[in-house]
Amino acid sequence: MNIDDSYADQDYGALAHDLRKHASYDGALVVVCWHHGNIPNMMHALKAADGDYPDPWDRKVFNLILRLDMREQETPAISRITEPF
């Protein structure tokens, strides 16, 4: 498994662009861990529909995972997964 840590905290737009435009991500499972304060901005950059993700993100929430399915659609389908820890 490769870990790419070359994106800085404020580079969510560049990461979103790369995920949407590079063919190497087509059909791939990609795990992104990010500062929760910038997750709403990243979701917007990934063209997620408003209301499908918390905006703003509650500073006390650390157990929410957003699963995006970006297969052949402009707007990704989002599932919310809450971890019970």
PDB file of N, CA and C in Angstrom:
ATOM      1  N   MET A   1       0.849  -1.165   0.000  1.00  0.00           N
ATOM      2  CA  MET A   1       0.000   0.000   0.000  1.00  0.00           C
ATOM      3  C   MET A   1       0.898   1.232   0.000  1.00  0.00           C
ATOM      4  N   ASN A   2       0.602   2.132  -0.886  1.00  0.00           N
ATOM      5  CA  ASN A   2       1.347   3.383  -0.952  1.00  0.00           C
ATOM      6  C   ASN A   2       0.638   4.459  -0.140  1.00  0.00           C
ATOM      7  N   ILE A   3       1.418   5.243   0.569  1.00  0.00           N
ATOM      8  CA  ILE A   3       0.883   6.379   1.316  1.00  0.00           C
ATOM      9  C   ILE A   3       1.465   7.641   0.702  1.00  0.00           C
ATOM     10  N   ASP A   4       0.588   8.526   0.269  1.00  0.00           N
ATOM     11  CA  ASP A   4       1.002   9.798  -0.318  1.00  0.00           C
ATOM     12  C   ASP A   4       0.701  10.892   0.694  1.00  0.00           C
ATOM     13  N   ASP A   5       1.725  11.425   1.304  1.00  0.00           N
ATOM     14  CA  ASP A   5       1.538  12.499   2.288  1.00  0.00           C
ATOM     15  C   ASP A   5       2.051  13.834   1.765  1.00  0.00           C
ATOM     16  N   SER A   6       2.021  13.985   0.452  1.00  0.00           N
ATOM     17  CA  SER A   6       2.581  15.198  -0.160  1.00  0.00           C
ATOM     18  C   SER A   6       1.604  16.379  -0.169  1.00  0.00           C
ATOM     19  N   TYR A   7       0.337  16.149   0.170  1.00  0.00           N
ATOM     20  CA  TYR A   7      -0.638  17.231   0.165  1.00  0.00           C
ATOM     21  C   TYR A   7      -0.681  17.901   1.535  1.00  0.00           C
ATOM     22  N   ALA A   8      -0.565  19.207   1.553  1.00  0.00           N
ATOM     23  CA  ALA A   8      -0.669  19.970   2.804  1.00  0.00           C
ATOM     24  C   ALA A   8      -2.142  20.127   3.185  1.00  0.00           C
ATOM     25  N   ASP A   9      -2.386  20.520   4.412  1.00  0.00           N
ATOM     26  CA  ASP A   9      -3.744  20.638   4.951  1.00  0.00           C
ATOM     27  C   ASP A   9      -4.648  21.486   4.067  1.00  0.00           C
ATOM     28  N   GLN A  10      -4.157  22.558   3.524  1.00  0.00           N
ATOM     29  CA  GLN A  10      -4.969  23.451   2.693  1.00  0.00           C
ATOM     30  C   GLN A  10      -5.007  23.030   1.224  1.00  0.00           C
ATOM     31  N   ASP A  11      -4.383  21.896   0.875  1.00  0.00           N
ATOM     32  CA  ASP A  11      -4.339  21.432  -0.518  1.00  0.00           C
ATOM     33  C   ASP A  11      -5.483  20.493  -0.876  1.00  0.00           C
ATOM     34  N   TYR A  12      -6.592  20.573  -0.143  1.00  0.00           N
ATOM     35  CA  TYR A  12      -7.728  19.689  -0.409  1.00  0.00           C
ATOM     36  C   TYR A  12      -8.247  19.858  -1.837  1.00  0.00           C
ATOM     37  N   GLY A  13      -8.164  21.062  -2.386  1.00  0.00           N
ATOM     38  CA  GLY A  13      -8.611  21.295  -3.760  1.00  0.00           C
ATOM     39  C   GLY A  13      -7.752  20.557  -4.766  1.00  0.00           C
ATOM     40  N   ALA A  14      -6.439  20.568  -4.554  1.00  0.00           N
ATOM     41  CA  ALA A  14      -5.522  19.848  -5.454  1.00  0.00           C
ATOM     42  C   ALA A  14      -5.761  18.347  -5.360  1.00  0.00           C
ATOM     43  N   LEU A  15      -5.957  17.847  -4.148  1.00  0.00           N
ATOM     44  CA  LEU A  15      -6.223  16.419  -3.981  1.00  0.00           C
ATOM     45  C   LEU A  15      -7.539  16.047  -4.659  1.00  0.00           C
ATOM     46  N   ALA A  16      -8.580  16.830  -4.447  1.00  0.00           N
ATOM     47  CA  ALA A  16      -9.873  16.551  -5.073  1.00  0.00           C
ATOM     48  C   ALA A  16      -9.741  16.543  -6.589  1.00  0.00           C
ATOM     49  N   HIS A  17      -9.028  17.495  -7.126  1.00  0.00           N
ATOM     50  CA  HIS A  17      -8.806  17.543  -8.579  1.00  0.00           C
ATOM     51  C   HIS A  17      -8.107  16.281  -9.052  1.00  0.00           C
ATOM     52  N   ASP A  18      -7.049  15.894  -8.380  1.00  0.00           N
ATOM     53  CA  ASP A  18      -6.304  14.696  -8.773  1.00  0.00           C
ATOM     54  C   ASP A  18      -7.174  13.445  -8.694  1.00  0.00           C
ATOM     55  N   LEU A  19      -7.971  13.315  -7.641  1.00  0.00           N
ATOM     56  CA  LEU A  19      -8.835  12.142  -7.492  1.00  0.00           C
ATOM     57  C   LEU A  19      -9.875  12.063  -8.607  1.00  0.00           C
ATOM     58  N   ARG A  20     -10.367  13.218  -9.045  1.00  0.00           N
ATOM     59  CA  ARG A  20     -11.400  13.232 -10.091  1.00  0.00           C
ATOM     60  C   ARG A  20     -10.833  13.081 -11.487  1.00  0.00           C
ATOM     61  N   LYS A  21      -9.596  13.505 -11.714  1.00  0.00           N
ATOM     62  CA  LYS A  21      -9.093  13.598 -13.082  1.00  0.00           C
ATOM     63  C   LYS A  21      -8.058  12.546 -13.477  1.00  0.00           C
ATOM     64  N   HIS A  22      -7.383  11.915 -12.541  1.00  0.00           N
ATOM     65  CA  HIS A  22      -6.333  10.962 -12.899  1.00  0.00           C
ATOM     66  C   HIS A  22      -6.905   9.565 -13.085  1.00  0.00           C
ATOM     67  N   ALA A  23      -6.662   9.007 -14.241  1.00  0.00           N
ATOM     68  CA  ALA A  23      -7.184   7.682 -14.576  1.00  0.00           C
ATOM     69  C   ALA A  23      -6.685   6.595 -13.631  1.00  0.00           C
ATOM     70  N   SER A  24      -5.563   6.820 -12.979  1.00  0.00           N
ATOM     71  CA  SER A  24      -5.023   5.800 -12.079  1.00  0.00           C
ATOM     72  C   SER A  24      -5.948   5.550 -10.884  1.00  0.00           C
ATOM     73  N   TYR A  25      -6.878   6.454 -10.605  1.00  0.00           N
ATOM     74  CA  TYR A  25      -7.820   6.275  -9.497  1.00  0.00           C
ATOM     75  C   TYR A  25      -9.133   5.625  -9.937  1.00  0.00           C
ATOM     76  N   ASP A  26      -9.339   5.477 -11.236  1.00  0.00           N
ATOM     77  CA  ASP A  26     -10.577   4.868 -11.742  1.00  0.00           C
ATOM     78  C   ASP A  26     -10.715   3.448 -11.205  1.00  0.00           C
ATOM     79  N   GLY A  27     -11.816   3.178 -10.526  1.00  0.00           N
ATOM     80  CA  GLY A  27     -12.078   1.854  -9.992  1.00  0.00           C
ATOM     81  C   GLY A  27     -11.258   1.485  -8.766  1.00  0.00           C
ATOM     82  N   ALA A  28     -10.473   2.424  -8.262  1.00  0.00           N
ATOM     83  CA  ALA A  28      -9.600   2.146  -7.121  1.00  0.00           C
ATOM     84  C   ALA A  28     -10.290   2.479  -5.806  1.00  0.00           C
ATOM     85  N   LEU A  29      -9.878   1.779  -4.767  1.00  0.00           N
ATOM     86  CA  LEU A  29     -10.288   2.118  -3.413  1.00  0.00           C
ATOM     87  C   LEU A  29      -9.233   3.065  -2.869  1.00  0.00           C
ATOM     88  N   VAL A  30      -9.647   4.257  -2.486  1.00  0.00           N
ATOM     89  CA  VAL A  30      -8.735   5.279  -1.975  1.00  0.00           C
ATOM     90  C   VAL A  30      -9.227   5.684  -0.592  1.00  0.00           C
ATOM     91  N   VAL A  31      -8.329   5.690   0.365  1.00  0.00           N
ATOM     92  CA  VAL A  31      -8.656   6.132   1.719  1.00  0.00           C
ATOM     93  C   VAL A  31      -7.981   7.472   1.945  1.00  0.00           C
ATOM     94  N   VAL A  32      -8.761   8.463   2.333  1.00  0.00           N
ATOM     95  CA  VAL A  32      -8.227   9.800   2.584  1.00  0.00           C
ATOM     96  C   VAL A  32      -8.500  10.147   4.044  1.00  0.00           C
ATOM     97  N   CYS A  33      -7.467  10.497   4.750  1.00  0.00           N
ATOM     98  CA  CYS A  33      -7.598  10.981   6.130  1.00  0.00           C
ATOM     99  C   CYS A  33      -7.219  12.456   6.110  1.00  0.00           C
ATOM    100  N   TRP A  34      -8.093  13.288   6.665  1.00  0.00           N
ATOM    101  CA  TRP A  34      -7.878  14.723   6.552  1.00  0.00           C
ATOM    102  C   TRP A  34      -8.297  15.425   7.835  1.00  0.00           C
ATOM    103  N   HIS A  35      -7.808  16.628   8.015  1.00  0.00           N
ATOM    104  CA  HIS A  35      -8.217  17.486   9.126  1.00  0.00           C
ATOM    105  C   HIS A  35      -9.705  17.754   8.984  1.00  0.00           C
ATOM    106  N   HIS A  36     -10.486  17.421  10.019  1.00  0.00           N
ATOM    107  CA  HIS A  36     -11.938  17.486   9.873  1.00  0.00           C
ATOM    108  C   HIS A  36     -12.470  18.888   9.604  1.00  0.00           C
ATOM    109  N   GLY A  37     -11.721  19.906   9.952  1.00  0.00           N
ATOM    110  CA  GLY A  37     -12.154  21.275   9.666  1.00  0.00           C
ATOM    111  C   GLY A  37     -12.192  21.589   8.182  1.00  0.00           C
ATOM    112  N   ASN A  38     -11.415  20.848   7.377  1.00  0.00           N
ATOM    113  CA  ASN A  38     -11.387  21.075   5.933  1.00  0.00           C
ATOM    114  C   ASN A  38     -12.152  20.036   5.131  1.00  0.00           C
ATOM    115  N   ILE A  39     -12.762  19.075   5.805  1.00  0.00           N
ATOM    116  CA  ILE A  39     -13.508  18.053   5.066  1.00  0.00           C
ATOM    117  C   ILE A  39     -14.678  18.656   4.284  1.00  0.00           C
ATOM    118  N   PRO A  40     -15.460  19.596   4.847  1.00  0.00           N
ATOM    119  CA  PRO A  40     -16.528  20.184   4.029  1.00  0.00           C
ATOM    120  C   PRO A  40     -15.990  20.855   2.749  1.00  0.00           C
ATOM    121  N   ASN A  41     -14.863  21.526   2.842  1.00  0.00           N
ATOM    122  CA  ASN A  41     -14.278  22.147   1.648  1.00  0.00           C
ATOM    123  C   ASN A  41     -13.847  21.085   0.630  1.00  0.00           C
ATOM    124  N   MET A  42     -13.301  19.979   1.131  1.00  0.00           N
ATOM    125  CA  MET A  42     -12.894  18.900   0.225  1.00  0.00           C
ATOM    126  C   MET A  42     -14.118  18.277  -0.440  1.00  0.00           C
ATOM    127  N   MET A  43     -15.195  18.078   0.324  1.00  0.00           N
ATOM    128  CA  MET A  43     -16.414  17.500  -0.253  1.00  0.00           C
ATOM    129  C   MET A  43     -16.963  18.410  -1.352  1.00  0.00           C
ATOM    130  N   HIS A  44     -16.926  19.710  -1.115  1.00  0.00           N
ATOM    131  CA  HIS A  44     -17.355  20.669  -2.137  1.00  0.00           C
ATOM    132  C   HIS A  44     -16.471  20.551  -3.380  1.00  0.00           C
ATOM    133  N   ALA A  45     -15.153  20.453  -3.178  1.00  0.00           N
ATOM    134  CA  ALA A  45     -14.219  20.334  -4.304  1.00  0.00           C
ATOM    135  C   ALA A  45     -14.417  19.021  -5.062  1.00  0.00           C
ATOM    136  N   LEU A  46     -14.902  17.986  -4.382  1.00  0.00           N
ATOM    137  CA  LEU A  46     -15.189  16.707  -5.025  1.00  0.00           C
ATOM    138  C   LEU A  46     -16.569  16.692  -5.683  1.00  0.00           C
ATOM    139  N   LYS A  47     -17.270  17.839  -5.617  1.00  0.00           N
ATOM    140  CA  LYS A  47     -18.582  18.037  -6.221  1.00  0.00           C
ATOM    141  C   LYS A  47     -19.687  17.246  -5.531  1.00  0.00           C
ATOM    142  N   ALA A  48     -19.508  17.005  -4.233  1.00  0.00           N
ATOM    143  CA  ALA A  48     -20.559  16.363  -3.455  1.00  0.00           C
ATOM    144  C   ALA A  48     -21.721  17.339  -3.302  1.00  0.00           C
ATOM    145  N   ALA A  49     -22.913  16.807  -3.263  1.00  0.00           N
ATOM    146  CA  ALA A  49     -24.117  17.640  -3.138  1.00  0.00           C
ATOM    147  C   ALA A  49     -24.203  18.244  -1.738  1.00  0.00           C
ATOM    148  N   ASP A  50     -24.543  19.519  -1.679  1.00  0.00           N
ATOM    149  CA  ASP A  50     -24.773  20.169  -0.385  1.00  0.00           C
ATOM    150  C   ASP A  50     -25.823  19.383   0.387  1.00  0.00           C
ATOM    151  N   GLY A  51     -25.596  19.218   1.678  1.00  0.00           N
ATOM    152  CA  GLY A  51     -26.512  18.479   2.517  1.00  0.00           C
ATOM    153  C   GLY A  51     -26.162  17.006   2.664  1.00  0.00           C
ATOM    154  N   ASP A  52     -25.294  16.492   1.793  1.00  0.00           N
ATOM    155  CA  ASP A  52     -24.878  15.089   1.886  1.00  0.00           C
ATOM    156  C   ASP A  52     -23.739  14.882   2.882  1.00  0.00           C
ATOM    157  N   TYR A  53     -23.201  15.968   3.403  1.00  0.00           N
ATOM    158  CA  TYR A  53     -22.086  15.906   4.349  1.00  0.00           C
ATOM    159  C   TYR A  53     -22.242  17.040   5.350  1.00  0.00           C
ATOM    160  N   PRO A  54     -21.705  16.881   6.554  1.00  0.00           N
ATOM    161  CA  PRO A  54     -21.817  17.947   7.556  1.00  0.00           C
ATOM    162  C   PRO A  54     -21.034  19.193   7.138  1.00  0.00           C
ATOM    163  N   ASP A  55     -21.696  20.334   7.198  1.00  0.00           N
ATOM    164  CA  ASP A  55     -21.036  21.598   6.883  1.00  0.00           C
ATOM    165  C   ASP A  55     -21.722  22.708   7.684  1.00  0.00           C
ATOM    166  N   PRO A  56     -21.074  23.181   8.716  1.00  0.00           N
ATOM    167  CA  PRO A  56     -19.699  22.884   9.123  1.00  0.00           C
ATOM    168  C   PRO A  56     -19.613  21.546   9.856  1.00  0.00           C
ATOM    169  N   TRP A  57     -18.392  21.040   9.936  1.00  0.00           N
ATOM    170  CA  TRP A  57     -18.133  19.794  10.643  1.00  0.00           C
ATOM    171  C   TRP A  57     -18.039  20.105  12.129  1.00  0.00           C
ATOM    172  N   ASP A  58     -18.779  19.382  12.939  1.00  0.00           N
ATOM    173  CA  ASP A  58     -18.749  19.573  14.390  1.00  0.00           C
ATOM    174  C   ASP A  58     -17.352  19.228  14.905  1.00  0.00           C
ATOM    175  N   ARG A  59     -16.732  20.135  15.607  1.00  0.00           N
ATOM    176  CA  ARG A  59     -15.356  19.950  16.102  1.00  0.00           C
ATOM    177  C   ARG A  59     -15.222  18.781  17.060  1.00  0.00           C
ATOM    178  N   LYS A  60     -16.333  18.307  17.612  1.00  0.00           N
ATOM    179  CA  LYS A  60     -16.294  17.201  18.570  1.00  0.00           C
ATOM    180  C   LYS A  60     -16.539  15.845  17.905  1.00  0.00           C
ATOM    181  N   VAL A  61     -16.760  15.818  16.596  1.00  0.00           N
ATOM    182  CA  VAL A  61     -17.064  14.567  15.895  1.00  0.00           C
ATOM    183  C   VAL A  61     -15.788  14.000  15.276  1.00  0.00           C
ATOM    184  N   PHE A  62     -15.397  12.831  15.777  1.00  0.00           N
ATOM    185  CA  PHE A  62     -14.209  12.151  15.268  1.00  0.00           C
ATOM    186  C   PHE A  62     -14.534  10.731  14.814  1.00  0.00           C
ATOM    187  N   ASN A  63     -15.796  10.338  14.879  1.00  0.00           N
ATOM    188  CA  ASN A  63     -16.150   8.959  14.560  1.00  0.00           C
ATOM    189  C   ASN A  63     -17.028   8.838  13.311  1.00  0.00           C
ATOM    190  N   LEU A  64     -17.046   9.862  12.488  1.00  0.00           N
ATOM    191  CA  LEU A  64     -17.853   9.828  11.271  1.00  0.00           C
ATOM    192  C   LEU A  64     -16.950   9.624  10.061  1.00  0.00           C
ATOM    193  N   ILE A  65     -17.322   8.649   9.249  1.00  0.00           N
ATOM    194  CA  ILE A  65     -16.610   8.362   8.001  1.00  0.00           C
ATOM    195  C   ILE A  65     -17.566   8.666   6.857  1.00  0.00           C
ATOM    196  N   LEU A  66     -17.080   9.368   5.860  1.00  0.00           N
ATOM    197  CA  LEU A  66     -17.858   9.616   4.646  1.00  0.00           C
ATOM    198  C   LEU A  66     -17.314   8.703   3.557  1.00  0.00           C
ATOM    199  N   ARG A  67     -18.186   7.885   3.008  1.00  0.00           N
ATOM    200  CA  ARG A  67     -17.799   6.977   1.926  1.00  0.00           C
ATOM    201  C   ARG A  67     -18.383   7.535   0.637  1.00  0.00           C
ATOM    202  N   LEU A  68     -17.503   7.840  -0.303  1.00  0.00           N
ATOM    203  CA  LEU A  68     -17.936   8.393  -1.580  1.00  0.00           C
ATOM    204  C   LEU A  68     -17.795   7.340  -2.668  1.00  0.00           C
ATOM    205  N   ASP A  69     -18.817   7.219  -3.484  1.00  0.00           N
ATOM    206  CA  ASP A  69     -18.762   6.369  -4.663  1.00  0.00           C
ATOM    207  C   ASP A  69     -18.796   7.309  -5.858  1.00  0.00           C
ATOM    208  N   MET A  70     -17.676   7.372  -6.562  1.00  0.00           N
ATOM    209  CA  MET A  70     -17.532   8.349  -7.642  1.00  0.00           C
ATOM    210  C   MET A  70     -17.590   7.697  -9.017  1.00  0.00           C
ATOM    211  N   ARG A  71     -18.134   6.508  -9.108  1.00  0.00           N
ATOM    212  CA  ARG A  71     -18.170   5.791 -10.379  1.00  0.00           C
ATOM    213  C   ARG A  71     -19.066   6.471 -11.405  1.00  0.00           C
ATOM    214  N   GLU A  72     -18.462   6.944 -12.448  1.00  0.00           N
ATOM    215  CA  GLU A  72     -19.139   7.432 -13.653  1.00  0.00           C
ATOM    216  C   GLU A  72     -20.287   8.397 -13.407  1.00  0.00           C
ATOM    217  N   GLN A  73     -20.204   9.176 -12.392  1.00  0.00           N
ATOM    218  CA  GLN A  73     -21.206  10.211 -12.177  1.00  0.00           C
ATOM    219  C   GLN A  73     -20.502  11.500 -11.769  1.00  0.00           C
ATOM    220  N   GLU A  74     -21.123  12.579 -12.090  1.00  0.00           N
ATOM    221  CA  GLU A  74     -20.534  13.878 -11.758  1.00  0.00           C
ATOM    222  C   GLU A  74     -20.593  14.133 -10.253  1.00  0.00           C
ATOM    223  N   THR A  75     -21.726  13.790  -9.632  1.00  0.00           N
ATOM    224  CA  THR A  75     -21.908  13.995  -8.199  1.00  0.00           C
ATOM    225  C   THR A  75     -21.732  12.660  -7.490  1.00  0.00           C
ATOM    226  N   PRO A  76     -20.767  12.558  -6.570  1.00  0.00           N
ATOM    227  CA  PRO A  76     -20.566  11.274  -5.894  1.00  0.00           C
ATOM    228  C   PRO A  76     -21.723  10.934  -4.957  1.00  0.00           C
ATOM    229  N   ALA A  77     -21.996   9.635  -4.849  1.00  0.00           N
ATOM    230  CA  ALA A  77     -22.965   9.154  -3.862  1.00  0.00           C
ATOM    231  C   ALA A  77     -22.225   9.051  -2.527  1.00  0.00           C
ATOM    232  N   ILE A  78     -22.835   9.569  -1.466  1.00  0.00           N
ATOM    233  CA  ILE A  78     -22.182   9.592  -0.168  1.00  0.00           C
ATOM    234  C   ILE A  78     -22.966   8.775   0.843  1.00  0.00           C
ATOM    235  N   SER A  79     -22.243   7.922   1.553  1.00  0.00           N
ATOM    236  CA  SER A  79     -22.802   7.175   2.685  1.00  0.00           C
ATOM    237  C   SER A  79     -22.097   7.649   3.939  1.00  0.00           C
ATOM    238  N   ARG A  80     -22.858   7.784   5.014  1.00  0.00           N
ATOM    239  CA  ARG A  80     -22.268   8.153   6.303  1.00  0.00           C
ATOM    240  C   ARG A  80     -22.151   6.899   7.164  1.00  0.00           C
ATOM    241  N   ILE A  81     -20.964   6.686   7.704  1.00  0.00           N
ATOM    242  CA  ILE A  81     -20.705   5.547   8.571  1.00  0.00           C
ATOM    243  C   ILE A  81     -20.242   6.098   9.903  1.00  0.00           C
ATOM    244  N   THR A  82     -20.931   5.728  10.976  1.00  0.00           N
ATOM    245  CA  THR A  82     -20.537   6.172  12.314  1.00  0.00           C
ATOM    246  C   THR A  82     -19.886   5.006  13.037  1.00  0.00           C
ATOM    247  N   GLU A  83     -18.681   5.214  13.483  1.00  0.00           N
ATOM    248  CA  GLU A  83     -17.951   4.205  14.242  1.00  0.00           C
ATOM    249  C   GLU A  83     -18.327   4.323  15.712  1.00  0.00           C
ATOM    250  N   PRO A  84     -18.593   3.200  16.375  1.00  0.00           N
ATOM    251  CA  PRO A  84     -19.056   3.245  17.777  1.00  0.00           C
ATOM    252  C   PRO A  84     -17.929   3.266  18.802  1.00  0.00           C
ATOM    253  N   PHE A  85     -17.002   4.183  18.680  1.00  0.00           N
ATOM    254  CA  PHE A  85     -15.950   4.249  19.702  1.00  0.00           C
ATOM    255  C   PHE A  85     -16.014   5.551  20.450  1.00  0.00           C
TER     256      PHE A  85
END
